[in-house]
PDB file of all heavy atoms in Angstrom:
ATOM      1  N   GLN A   1      -6.678  -6.788 -10.897  1.00  0.00           N
ATOM      2  CA  GLN A   1      -5.760  -6.814 -12.032  1.00  0.00           C
ATOM      3  C   GLN A   1      -4.510  -5.955 -11.804  1.00  0.00           C
ATOM      4  O   GLN A   1      -3.700  -5.774 -12.709  1.00  0.00           O
ATOM      5  CB  GLN A   1      -6.475  -6.318 -13.297  1.00  0.00           C
ATOM      6  CG  GLN A   1      -7.663  -7.161 -13.723  1.00  0.00           C
ATOM      7  CD  GLN A   1      -7.252  -8.553 -14.153  1.00  0.00           C
ATOM      8  OE1 GLN A   1      -6.253  -8.736 -14.839  1.00  0.00           O
ATOM      9  NE2 GLN A   1      -8.015  -9.557 -13.738  1.00  0.00           N
ATOM     10  N   VAL A   2      -4.357  -5.444 -10.593  1.00  0.00           N
ATOM     11  CA  VAL A   2      -3.236  -4.553 -10.302  1.00  0.00           C
ATOM     12  C   VAL A   2      -1.908  -5.318 -10.359  1.00  0.00           C
ATOM     13  O   VAL A   2      -1.749  -6.374  -9.747  1.00  0.00           O
ATOM     14  CB  VAL A   2      -3.408  -3.887  -8.924  1.00  0.00           C
ATOM     15  CG1 VAL A   2      -2.117  -3.215  -8.464  1.00  0.00           C
ATOM     16  CG2 VAL A   2      -4.541  -2.862  -8.969  1.00  0.00           C
ATOM     17  N   LYS A   3      -0.969  -4.767 -11.114  1.00  0.00           N
ATOM     18  CA  LYS A   3       0.366  -5.347 -11.245  1.00  0.00           C
ATOM     19  C   LYS A   3       1.411  -4.590 -10.423  1.00  0.00           C
ATOM     20  O   LYS A   3       2.448  -5.138 -10.079  1.00  0.00           O
ATOM     21  CB  LYS A   3       0.804  -5.350 -12.713  1.00  0.00           C
ATOM     22  CG  LYS A   3      -0.137  -6.092 -13.648  1.00  0.00           C
ATOM     23  CD  LYS A   3      -0.176  -7.581 -13.337  1.00  0.00           C
ATOM     24  CE  LYS A   3      -1.057  -8.313 -14.346  1.00  0.00           C
ATOM     25  NZ  LYS A   3      -1.189  -9.749 -14.010  1.00  0.00           N
ATOM     26  N   HIS A   4       1.132  -3.301 -10.160  1.00  0.00           N
ATOM     27  CA  HIS A   4       2.099  -2.460  -9.454  1.00  0.00           C
ATOM     28  C   HIS A   4       1.390  -1.709  -8.330  1.00  0.00           C
ATOM     29  O   HIS A   4       0.373  -1.047  -8.560  1.00  0.00           O
ATOM     30  CB  HIS A   4       2.733  -1.424 -10.389  1.00  0.00           C
ATOM     31  CG  HIS A   4       3.201  -1.975 -11.691  1.00  0.00           C
ATOM     32  ND1 HIS A   4       4.406  -2.615 -11.846  1.00  0.00           N
ATOM     33  CD2 HIS A   4       2.617  -1.977 -12.910  1.00  0.00           C
ATOM     34  CE1 HIS A   4       4.553  -2.994 -13.103  1.00  0.00           C
ATOM     35  NE2 HIS A   4       3.481  -2.618 -13.773  1.00  0.00           N
ATOM     36  N   LEU A   5       1.938  -1.771  -7.135  1.00  0.00           N
ATOM     37  CA  LEU A   5       1.496  -0.951  -6.011  1.00  0.00           C
ATOM     38  C   LEU A   5       2.641  -0.024  -5.633  1.00  0.00           C
ATOM     39  O   LEU A   5       3.760  -0.487  -5.375  1.00  0.00           O
ATOM     40  CB  LEU A   5       1.120  -1.805  -4.800  1.00  0.00           C
ATOM     41  CG  LEU A   5       0.888  -1.053  -3.481  1.00  0.00           C
ATOM     42  CD1 LEU A   5      -0.305  -0.103  -3.596  1.00  0.00           C
ATOM     43  CD2 LEU A   5       0.714  -2.021  -2.323  1.00  0.00           C
ATOM     44  N   VAL A   6       2.369   1.290  -5.586  1.00  0.00           N
ATOM     45  CA  VAL A   6       3.375   2.273  -5.194  1.00  0.00           C
ATOM     46  C   VAL A   6       2.902   2.963  -3.920  1.00  0.00           C
ATOM     47  O   VAL A   6       1.789   3.507  -3.876  1.00  0.00           O
ATOM     48  CB  VAL A   6       3.607   3.328  -6.295  1.00  0.00           C
ATOM     49  CG1 VAL A   6       4.689   4.323  -5.850  1.00  0.00           C
ATOM     50  CG2 VAL A   6       3.990   2.662  -7.606  1.00  0.00           C
ATOM     51  N   LEU A   7       3.717   2.930  -2.882  1.00  0.00           N
ATOM     52  CA  LEU A   7       3.451   3.663  -1.642  1.00  0.00           C
ATOM     53  C   LEU A   7       4.371   4.877  -1.633  1.00  0.00           C
ATOM     54  O   LEU A   7       5.568   4.753  -1.367  1.00  0.00           O
ATOM     55  CB  LEU A   7       3.709   2.766  -0.426  1.00  0.00           C
ATOM     56  CG  LEU A   7       2.926   1.443  -0.395  1.00  0.00           C
ATOM     57  CD1 LEU A   7       3.380   0.581   0.779  1.00  0.00           C
ATOM     58  CD2 LEU A   7       1.433   1.712  -0.316  1.00  0.00           C
ATOM     59  N   ASP A   8       3.823   6.042  -1.964  1.00  0.00           N
ATOM     60  CA  ASP A   8       4.633   7.254  -2.055  1.00  0.00           C
ATOM     61  C   ASP A   8       4.506   8.048  -0.763  1.00  0.00           C
ATOM     62  O   ASP A   8       3.406   8.175  -0.208  1.00  0.00           O
ATOM     63  CB  ASP A   8       4.167   8.102  -3.249  1.00  0.00           C
ATOM     64  CG  ASP A   8       5.221   9.114  -3.666  1.00  0.00           C
ATOM     65  OD1 ASP A   8       6.236   9.252  -2.947  1.00  0.00           O
ATOM     66  OD2 ASP A   8       5.037   9.769  -4.706  1.00  0.00           O
ATOM     67  N   GLU A   9       5.628   8.604  -0.294  1.00  0.00           N
ATOM     68  CA  GLU A   9       5.677   9.310   0.999  1.00  0.00           C
ATOM     69  C   GLU A   9       5.112   8.387   2.095  1.00  0.00           C
ATOM     70  O   GLU A   9       4.238   8.779   2.877  1.00  0.00           O
ATOM     71  CB  GLU A   9       4.890  10.624   0.935  1.00  0.00           C
ATOM     72  CG  GLU A   9       5.394  11.612  -0.101  1.00  0.00           C
ATOM     73  CD  GLU A   9       6.650  12.341   0.329  1.00  0.00           C
ATOM     74  OE1 GLU A   9       7.271  11.917   1.326  1.00  0.00           O
ATOM     75  OE2 GLU A   9       7.017  13.328  -0.330  1.00  0.00           O
ATOM     76  N   ALA A  10       5.614   7.181   2.158  1.00  0.00           N
ATOM     77  CA  ALA A  10       5.082   6.191   3.090  1.00  0.00           C
ATOM     78  C   ALA A  10       5.204   6.648   4.542  1.00  0.00           C
ATOM     79  O   ALA A  10       4.303   6.404   5.356  1.00  0.00           O
ATOM     80  CB  ALA A  10       5.804   4.860   2.899  1.00  0.00           C
ATOM     81  N   ASP A  11       6.297   7.307   4.880  1.00  0.00           N
ATOM     82  CA  ASP A  11       6.463   7.766   6.267  1.00  0.00           C
ATOM     83  C   ASP A  11       5.399   8.779   6.642  1.00  0.00           C
ATOM     84  O   ASP A  11       4.856   8.761   7.746  1.00  0.00           O
ATOM     85  CB  ASP A  11       7.867   8.324   6.502  1.00  0.00           C
ATOM     86  CG  ASP A  11       8.271   9.368   5.476  1.00  0.00           C
ATOM     87  OD1 ASP A  11       7.576   9.532   4.453  1.00  0.00           O
ATOM     88  OD2 ASP A  11       9.320  10.024   5.686  1.00  0.00           O
ATOM     89  N   ARG A  12       5.055   9.665   5.726  1.00  0.00           N
ATOM     90  CA  ARG A  12       4.026  10.665   5.995  1.00  0.00           C
ATOM     91  C   ARG A  12       2.650  10.013   6.126  1.00  0.00           C
ATOM     92  O   ARG A  12       1.837  10.415   6.961  1.00  0.00           O
ATOM     93  CB  ARG A  12       4.012  11.726   4.892  1.00  0.00           C
ATOM     94  CG  ARG A  12       3.026  12.858   5.122  1.00  0.00           C
ATOM     95  CD  ARG A  12       3.286  13.602   6.398  1.00  0.00           C
ATOM     96  NE  ARG A  12       4.477  14.435   6.334  1.00  0.00           N
ATOM     97  CZ  ARG A  12       4.949  15.133   7.348  1.00  0.00           C
ATOM     98  NH1 ARG A  12       4.331  15.095   8.515  1.00  0.00           N
ATOM     99  NH2 ARG A  12       6.041  15.857   7.229  1.00  0.00           N
ATOM    100  N   MET A  13       2.378   8.984   5.327  1.00  0.00           N
ATOM    101  CA  MET A  13       1.090   8.286   5.448  1.00  0.00           C
ATOM    102  C   MET A  13       0.953   7.643   6.826  1.00  0.00           C
ATOM    103  O   MET A  13      -0.123   7.685   7.438  1.00  0.00           O
ATOM    104  CB  MET A  13       0.940   7.236   4.344  1.00  0.00           C
ATOM    105  CG  MET A  13       0.590   7.834   2.991  1.00  0.00           C
ATOM    106  SD  MET A  13      -0.053   6.638   1.792  1.00  0.00           S
ATOM    107  CE  MET A  13       1.476   5.828   1.296  1.00  0.00           C
ATOM    108  N   LEU A  14       2.044   7.059   7.326  1.00  0.00           N
ATOM    109  CA  LEU A  14       1.980   6.462   8.659  1.00  0.00           C
ATOM    110  C   LEU A  14       1.846   7.534   9.730  1.00  0.00           C
ATOM    111  O   LEU A  14       1.123   7.351  10.712  1.00  0.00           O
ATOM    112  CB  LEU A  14       3.219   5.605   8.918  1.00  0.00           C
ATOM    113  CG  LEU A  14       3.401   4.376   8.016  1.00  0.00           C
ATOM    114  CD1 LEU A  14       4.455   3.444   8.618  1.00  0.00           C
ATOM    115  CD2 LEU A  14       2.107   3.630   7.801  1.00  0.00           C
ATOM    116  N   ASP A  15       2.529   8.659   9.553  1.00  0.00           N
ATOM    117  CA  ASP A  15       2.402   9.775  10.499  1.00  0.00           C
ATOM    118  C   ASP A  15       0.958  10.273  10.576  1.00  0.00           C
ATOM    119  O   ASP A  15       0.507  10.735  11.625  1.00  0.00           O
ATOM    120  CB  ASP A  15       3.309  10.940  10.090  1.00  0.00           C
ATOM    121  CG  ASP A  15       4.777  10.671  10.342  1.00  0.00           C
ATOM    122  OD1 ASP A  15       5.076   9.720  11.100  1.00  0.00           O
ATOM    123  OD2 ASP A  15       5.628  11.377   9.767  1.00  0.00           O
ATOM    124  N   MET A  16       0.231  10.171   9.468  1.00  0.00           N
ATOM    125  CA  MET A  16      -1.150  10.644   9.405  1.00  0.00           C
ATOM    126  C   MET A  16      -2.148   9.570   9.823  1.00  0.00           C
ATOM    127  O   MET A  16      -3.355   9.775   9.742  1.00  0.00           O
ATOM    128  CB  MET A  16      -1.461  11.146   7.988  1.00  0.00           C
ATOM    129  CG  MET A  16      -0.647  12.367   7.589  1.00  0.00           C
ATOM    130  SD  MET A  16      -0.810  12.809   5.844  1.00  0.00           S
ATOM    131  CE  MET A  16      -2.522  13.372   5.785  1.00  0.00           C
ATOM    132  N   GLY A  17      -1.660   8.418  10.270  1.00  0.00           N
ATOM    133  CA  GLY A  17      -2.530   7.383  10.800  1.00  0.00           C
ATOM    134  C   GLY A  17      -3.158   6.462   9.775  1.00  0.00           C
ATOM    135  O   GLY A  17      -4.209   5.852  10.043  1.00  0.00           O
ATOM    136  N   PHE A  18      -2.518   6.294   8.615  1.00  0.00           N
ATOM    137  CA  PHE A  18      -3.105   5.505   7.535  1.00  0.00           C
ATOM    138  C   PHE A  18      -2.636   4.043   7.505  1.00  0.00           C
ATOM    139  O   PHE A  18      -2.934   3.328   6.554  1.00  0.00           O
ATOM    140  CB  PHE A  18      -2.779   6.136   6.178  1.00  0.00           C
ATOM    141  CG  PHE A  18      -3.578   7.367   5.859  1.00  0.00           C
ATOM    142  CD1 PHE A  18      -2.946   8.505   5.373  1.00  0.00           C
ATOM    143  CD2 PHE A  18      -4.950   7.385   6.037  1.00  0.00           C
ATOM    144  CE1 PHE A  18      -3.675   9.649   5.068  1.00  0.00           C
ATOM    145  CE2 PHE A  18      -5.694   8.521   5.739  1.00  0.00           C
ATOM    146  CZ  PHE A  18      -5.060   9.652   5.259  1.00  0.00           C
ATOM    147  N   GLN A  19      -1.900   3.598   8.518  1.00  0.00           N
ATOM    148  CA  GLN A  19      -1.329   2.253   8.434  1.00  0.00           C
ATOM    149  C   GLN A  19      -2.395   1.181   8.270  1.00  0.00           C
ATOM    150  O   GLN A  19      -2.279   0.295   7.405  1.00  0.00           O
ATOM    151  CB  GLN A  19      -0.475   1.946   9.664  1.00  0.00           C
ATOM    152  CG  GLN A  19       0.176   0.566   9.591  1.00  0.00           C
ATOM    153  CD  GLN A  19       1.321   0.400  10.573  1.00  0.00           C
ATOM    154  OE1 GLN A  19       1.685   1.319  11.280  1.00  0.00           O
ATOM    155  NE2 GLN A  19       1.901  -0.786  10.628  1.00  0.00           N
ATOM    156  N   GLU A  20      -3.457   1.220   9.086  1.00  0.00           N
ATOM    157  CA  GLU A  20      -4.510   0.212   8.982  1.00  0.00           C
ATOM    158  C   GLU A  20      -5.209   0.293   7.635  1.00  0.00           C
ATOM    159  O   GLU A  20      -5.564  -0.743   7.045  1.00  0.00           O
ATOM    160  CB  GLU A  20      -5.509   0.385  10.127  1.00  0.00           C
ATOM    161  CG  GLU A  20      -4.955  -0.013  11.492  1.00  0.00           C
ATOM    162  CD  GLU A  20      -6.022   0.015  12.566  1.00  0.00           C
ATOM    163  OE1 GLU A  20      -7.218   0.178  12.225  1.00  0.00           O
ATOM    164  OE2 GLU A  20      -5.682  -0.135  13.749  1.00  0.00           O
ATOM    165  N   ASP A  21      -5.435   1.521   7.134  1.00  0.00           N
ATOM    166  CA  ASP A  21      -6.057   1.680   5.821  1.00  0.00           C
ATOM    167  C   ASP A  21      -5.195   1.059   4.723  1.00  0.00           C
ATOM    168  O   ASP A  21      -5.709   0.405   3.807  1.00  0.00           O
ATOM    169  CB  ASP A  21      -6.290   3.163   5.511  1.00  0.00           C
ATOM    170  CG  ASP A  21      -7.404   3.767   6.355  1.00  0.00           C
ATOM    171  OD1 ASP A  21      -8.164   2.993   6.961  1.00  0.00           O
ATOM    172  OD2 ASP A  21      -7.505   5.004   6.409  1.00  0.00           O
ATOM    173  N   ILE A  22      -3.889   1.281   4.808  1.00  0.00           N
ATOM    174  CA  ILE A  22      -2.980   0.725   3.792  1.00  0.00           C
ATOM    175  C   ILE A  22      -3.037  -0.799   3.805  1.00  0.00           C
ATOM    176  O   ILE A  22      -3.132  -1.442   2.750  1.00  0.00           O
ATOM    177  CB  ILE A  22      -1.539   1.218   4.033  1.00  0.00           C
ATOM    178  CG1 ILE A  22      -1.449   2.723   3.779  1.00  0.00           C
ATOM    179  CG2 ILE A  22      -0.556   0.476   3.135  1.00  0.00           C
ATOM    180  CD1 ILE A  22      -0.136   3.339   4.217  1.00  0.00           C
ATOM    181  N   LEU A  23      -2.987  -1.386   4.996  1.00  0.00           N
ATOM    182  CA  LEU A  23      -3.042  -2.839   5.093  1.00  0.00           C
ATOM    183  C   LEU A  23      -4.372  -3.378   4.581  1.00  0.00           C
ATOM    184  O   LEU A  23      -4.435  -4.445   3.947  1.00  0.00           O
ATOM    185  CB  LEU A  23      -2.809  -3.278   6.542  1.00  0.00           C
ATOM    186  CG  LEU A  23      -1.414  -2.973   7.102  1.00  0.00           C
ATOM    187  CD1 LEU A  23      -1.331  -3.343   8.578  1.00  0.00           C
ATOM    188  CD2 LEU A  23      -0.333  -3.718   6.314  1.00  0.00           C
ATOM    189  N   ARG A  24      -5.443  -2.654   4.835  1.00  0.00           N
ATOM    190  CA  ARG A  24      -6.758  -3.071   4.332  1.00  0.00           C
ATOM    191  C   ARG A  24      -6.790  -3.023   2.806  1.00  0.00           C
ATOM    192  O   ARG A  24      -7.313  -3.935   2.150  1.00  0.00           O
ATOM    193  CB  ARG A  24      -7.849  -2.183   4.922  1.00  0.00           C
ATOM    194  CG  ARG A  24      -9.257  -2.588   4.511  1.00  0.00           C
ATOM    195  CD  ARG A  24     -10.291  -1.712   5.176  1.00  0.00           C
ATOM    196  NE  ARG A  24     -11.627  -1.987   4.652  1.00  0.00           N
ATOM    197  CZ  ARG A  24     -12.713  -1.269   4.952  1.00  0.00           C
ATOM    198  NH1 ARG A  24     -12.609  -0.244   5.787  1.00  0.00           N
ATOM    199  NH2 ARG A  24     -13.878  -1.576   4.424  1.00  0.00           N
ATOM    200  N   ILE A  25      -6.233  -1.970   2.234  1.00  0.00           N
ATOM    201  CA  ILE A  25      -6.186  -1.842   0.774  1.00  0.00           C
ATOM    202  C   ILE A  25      -5.365  -2.975   0.169  1.00  0.00           C
ATOM    203  O   ILE A  25      -5.743  -3.570  -0.842  1.00  0.00           O
ATOM    204  CB  ILE A  25      -5.613  -0.466   0.375  1.00  0.00           C
ATOM    205  CG1 ILE A  25      -6.607   0.645   0.735  1.00  0.00           C
ATOM    206  CG2 ILE A  25      -5.272  -0.424  -1.118  1.00  0.00           C
ATOM    207  CD1 ILE A  25      -6.020   2.040   0.702  1.00  0.00           C
ATOM    208  N   ILE A  26      -4.241  -3.294   0.796  1.00  0.00           N
ATOM    209  CA  ILE A  26      -3.383  -4.365   0.294  1.00  0.00           C
ATOM    210  C   ILE A  26      -4.130  -5.696   0.253  1.00  0.00           C
ATOM    211  O   ILE A  26      -3.895  -6.533  -0.631  1.00  0.00           O
ATOM    212  CB  ILE A  26      -2.103  -4.466   1.148  1.00  0.00           C
ATOM    213  CG1 ILE A  26      -1.197  -3.253   0.867  1.00  0.00           C
ATOM    214  CG2 ILE A  26      -1.345  -5.764   0.881  1.00  0.00           C
ATOM    215  CD1 ILE A  26       0.024  -3.173   1.764  1.00  0.00           C
ATOM    216  N   SER A  27      -5.067  -5.883   1.174  1.00  0.00           N
ATOM    217  CA  SER A  27      -5.821  -7.145   1.198  1.00  0.00           C
ATOM    218  C   SER A  27      -6.696  -7.317  -0.038  1.00  0.00           C
ATOM    219  O   SER A  27      -7.131  -8.438  -0.342  1.00  0.00           O
ATOM    220  CB  SER A  27      -6.686  -7.214   2.463  1.00  0.00           C
ATOM    221  OG  SER A  27      -7.782  -6.301   2.390  1.00  0.00           O
ATOM    222  N   TYR A  28      -6.996  -6.235  -0.759  1.00  0.00           N
ATOM    223  CA  TYR A  28      -7.788  -6.301  -1.992  1.00  0.00           C
ATOM    224  C   TYR A  28      -6.928  -6.601  -3.224  1.00  0.00           C
ATOM    225  O   TYR A  28      -7.472  -6.823  -4.307  1.00  0.00           O
ATOM    226  CB  TYR A  28      -8.516  -4.971  -2.235  1.00  0.00           C
ATOM    227  CG  TYR A  28      -9.712  -4.713  -1.348  1.00  0.00           C
ATOM    228  CD1 TYR A  28      -9.564  -4.122  -0.090  1.00  0.00           C
ATOM    229  CD2 TYR A  28     -11.002  -5.039  -1.762  1.00  0.00           C
ATOM    230  CE1 TYR A  28     -10.656  -3.854   0.716  1.00  0.00           C
ATOM    231  CE2 TYR A  28     -12.104  -4.781  -0.957  1.00  0.00           C
ATOM    232  CZ  TYR A  28     -11.919  -4.194   0.286  1.00  0.00           C
ATOM    233  OH  TYR A  28     -13.006  -3.941   1.080  1.00  0.00           O
ATOM    234  N   LEU A  29      -5.617  -6.570  -3.058  1.00  0.00           N
ATOM    235  CA  LEU A  29      -4.723  -6.679  -4.213  1.00  0.00           C
ATOM    236  C   LEU A  29      -4.265  -8.116  -4.425  1.00  0.00           C
ATOM    237  O   LEU A  29      -4.218  -8.914  -3.475  1.00  0.00           O
ATOM    238  CB  LEU A  29      -3.499  -5.784  -4.004  1.00  0.00           C
ATOM    239  CG  LEU A  29      -3.751  -4.299  -3.753  1.00  0.00           C
ATOM    240  CD1 LEU A  29      -2.422  -3.581  -3.527  1.00  0.00           C
ATOM    241  CD2 LEU A  29      -4.506  -3.672  -4.904  1.00  0.00           C
ATOM    242  N   PRO A  30      -3.878  -8.452  -5.653  1.00  0.00           N
ATOM    243  CA  PRO A  30      -3.304  -9.774  -5.896  1.00  0.00           C
ATOM    244  C   PRO A  30      -1.991  -9.938  -5.123  1.00  0.00           C
ATOM    245  O   PRO A  30      -1.237  -8.983  -4.950  1.00  0.00           O
ATOM    246  CB  PRO A  30      -3.039  -9.775  -7.410  1.00  0.00           C
ATOM    247  CG  PRO A  30      -3.855  -8.661  -7.965  1.00  0.00           C
ATOM    248  CD  PRO A  30      -3.969  -7.644  -6.887  1.00  0.00           C
ATOM    249  N   LYS A  31      -1.717 -11.145  -4.668  1.00  0.00           N
ATOM    250  CA  LYS A  31      -0.460 -11.387  -3.971  1.00  0.00           C
ATOM    251  C   LYS A  31       0.726 -11.307  -4.928  1.00  0.00           C
ATOM    252  O   LYS A  31       1.830 -10.909  -4.535  1.00  0.00           O
ATOM    253  CB  LYS A  31      -0.505 -12.751  -3.276  1.00  0.00           C
ATOM    254  CG  LYS A  31      -1.467 -12.790  -2.098  1.00  0.00           C
ATOM    255  CD  LYS A  31      -1.385 -14.118  -1.367  1.00  0.00           C
ATOM    256  CE  LYS A  31      -2.328 -14.120  -0.157  1.00  0.00           C
ATOM    257  NZ  LYS A  31      -2.279 -15.413   0.578  1.00  0.00           N
ATOM    258  N   GLU A  32       0.481 -11.693  -6.167  1.00  0.00           N
ATOM    259  CA  GLU A  32       1.529 -11.609  -7.180  1.00  0.00           C
ATOM    260  C   GLU A  32       1.497 -10.213  -7.805  1.00  0.00           C
ATOM    261  O   GLU A  32       0.673  -9.923  -8.676  1.00  0.00           O
ATOM    262  CB  GLU A  32       1.318 -12.672  -8.258  1.00  0.00           C
ATOM    263  CG  GLU A  32       1.485 -14.094  -7.763  1.00  0.00           C
ATOM    264  CD  GLU A  32       2.913 -14.390  -7.325  1.00  0.00           C
ATOM    265  OE1 GLU A  32       3.840 -13.829  -7.948  1.00  0.00           O
ATOM    266  OE2 GLU A  32       3.094 -15.156  -6.366  1.00  0.00           O
ATOM    267  N   ARG A  33       2.366  -9.345  -7.321  1.00  0.00           N
ATOM    268  CA  ARG A  33       2.415  -7.963  -7.803  1.00  0.00           C
ATOM    269  C   ARG A  33       3.805  -7.417  -7.506  1.00  0.00           C
ATOM    270  O   ARG A  33       4.581  -8.022  -6.766  1.00  0.00           O
ATOM    271  CB  ARG A  33       1.363  -7.087  -7.104  1.00  0.00           C
ATOM    272  CG  ARG A  33       1.620  -6.960  -5.610  1.00  0.00           C
ATOM    273  CD  ARG A  33       0.701  -6.005  -4.882  1.00  0.00           C
ATOM    274  NE  ARG A  33       1.175  -5.808  -3.520  1.00  0.00           N
ATOM    275  CZ  ARG A  33       0.880  -6.576  -2.496  1.00  0.00           C
ATOM    276  NH1 ARG A  33       0.077  -7.613  -2.650  1.00  0.00           N
ATOM    277  NH2 ARG A  33       1.394  -6.320  -1.290  1.00  0.00           N
ATOM    278  N   GLN A  34       4.101  -6.263  -8.076  1.00  0.00           N
ATOM    279  CA  GLN A  34       5.341  -5.557  -7.755  1.00  0.00           C
ATOM    280  C   GLN A  34       4.990  -4.398  -6.836  1.00  0.00           C
ATOM    281  O   GLN A  34       4.097  -3.604  -7.147  1.00  0.00           O
ATOM    282  CB  GLN A  34       6.006  -5.031  -9.026  1.00  0.00           C
ATOM    283  CG  GLN A  34       7.349  -4.352  -8.778  1.00  0.00           C
ATOM    284  CD  GLN A  34       7.982  -3.842 -10.057  1.00  0.00           C
ATOM    285  OE1 GLN A  34       7.294  -3.412 -10.972  1.00  0.00           O
ATOM    286  NE2 GLN A  34       9.303  -3.890 -10.134  1.00  0.00           N
ATOM    287  N   THR A  35       5.676  -4.293  -5.702  1.00  0.00           N
ATOM    288  CA  THR A  35       5.400  -3.239  -4.730  1.00  0.00           C
ATOM    289  C   THR A  35       6.619  -2.342  -4.579  1.00  0.00           C
ATOM    290  O   THR A  35       7.736  -2.827  -4.373  1.00  0.00           O
ATOM    291  CB  THR A  35       5.009  -3.825  -3.360  1.00  0.00           C
ATOM    292  OG1 THR A  35       3.889  -4.702  -3.530  1.00  0.00           O
ATOM    293  CG2 THR A  35       4.632  -2.717  -2.388  1.00  0.00           C
ATOM    294  N   LEU A  36       6.390  -1.038  -4.664  1.00  0.00           N
ATOM    295  CA  LEU A  36       7.454  -0.035  -4.596  1.00  0.00           C
ATOM    296  C   LEU A  36       7.146   0.913  -3.446  1.00  0.00           C
ATOM    297  O   LEU A  36       6.079   1.540  -3.427  1.00  0.00           O
ATOM    298  CB  LEU A  36       7.545   0.731  -5.919  1.00  0.00           C
ATOM    299  CG  LEU A  36       7.535  -0.125  -7.191  1.00  0.00           C
ATOM    300  CD1 LEU A  36       7.431   0.757  -8.426  1.00  0.00           C
ATOM    301  CD2 LEU A  36       8.782  -0.998  -7.251  1.00  0.00           C
ATOM    302  N   LEU A  37       8.046   1.020  -2.511  1.00  0.00           N
ATOM    303  CA  LEU A  37       7.843   1.885  -1.347  1.00  0.00           C
ATOM    304  C   LEU A  37       8.869   3.016  -1.384  1.00  0.00           C
ATOM    305  O   LEU A  37      10.076   2.762  -1.381  1.00  0.00           O
ATOM    306  CB  LEU A  37       7.967   1.075  -0.060  1.00  0.00           C
ATOM    307  CG  LEU A  37       7.646   1.782   1.262  1.00  0.00           C
ATOM    308  CD1 LEU A  37       7.142   0.757   2.295  1.00  0.00           C
ATOM    309  CD2 LEU A  37       8.855   2.524   1.841  1.00  0.00           C
TER     310      LEU A  37
END
């Protein structure tokens, strides 16, 4: 039911090795959503 996804401090998350985790989480979300990076 998520309508909004916010990726805060996205550069730091990638620096910490979370890219695969983020992509995995996105796979659980509806395709129709608003994403803010």
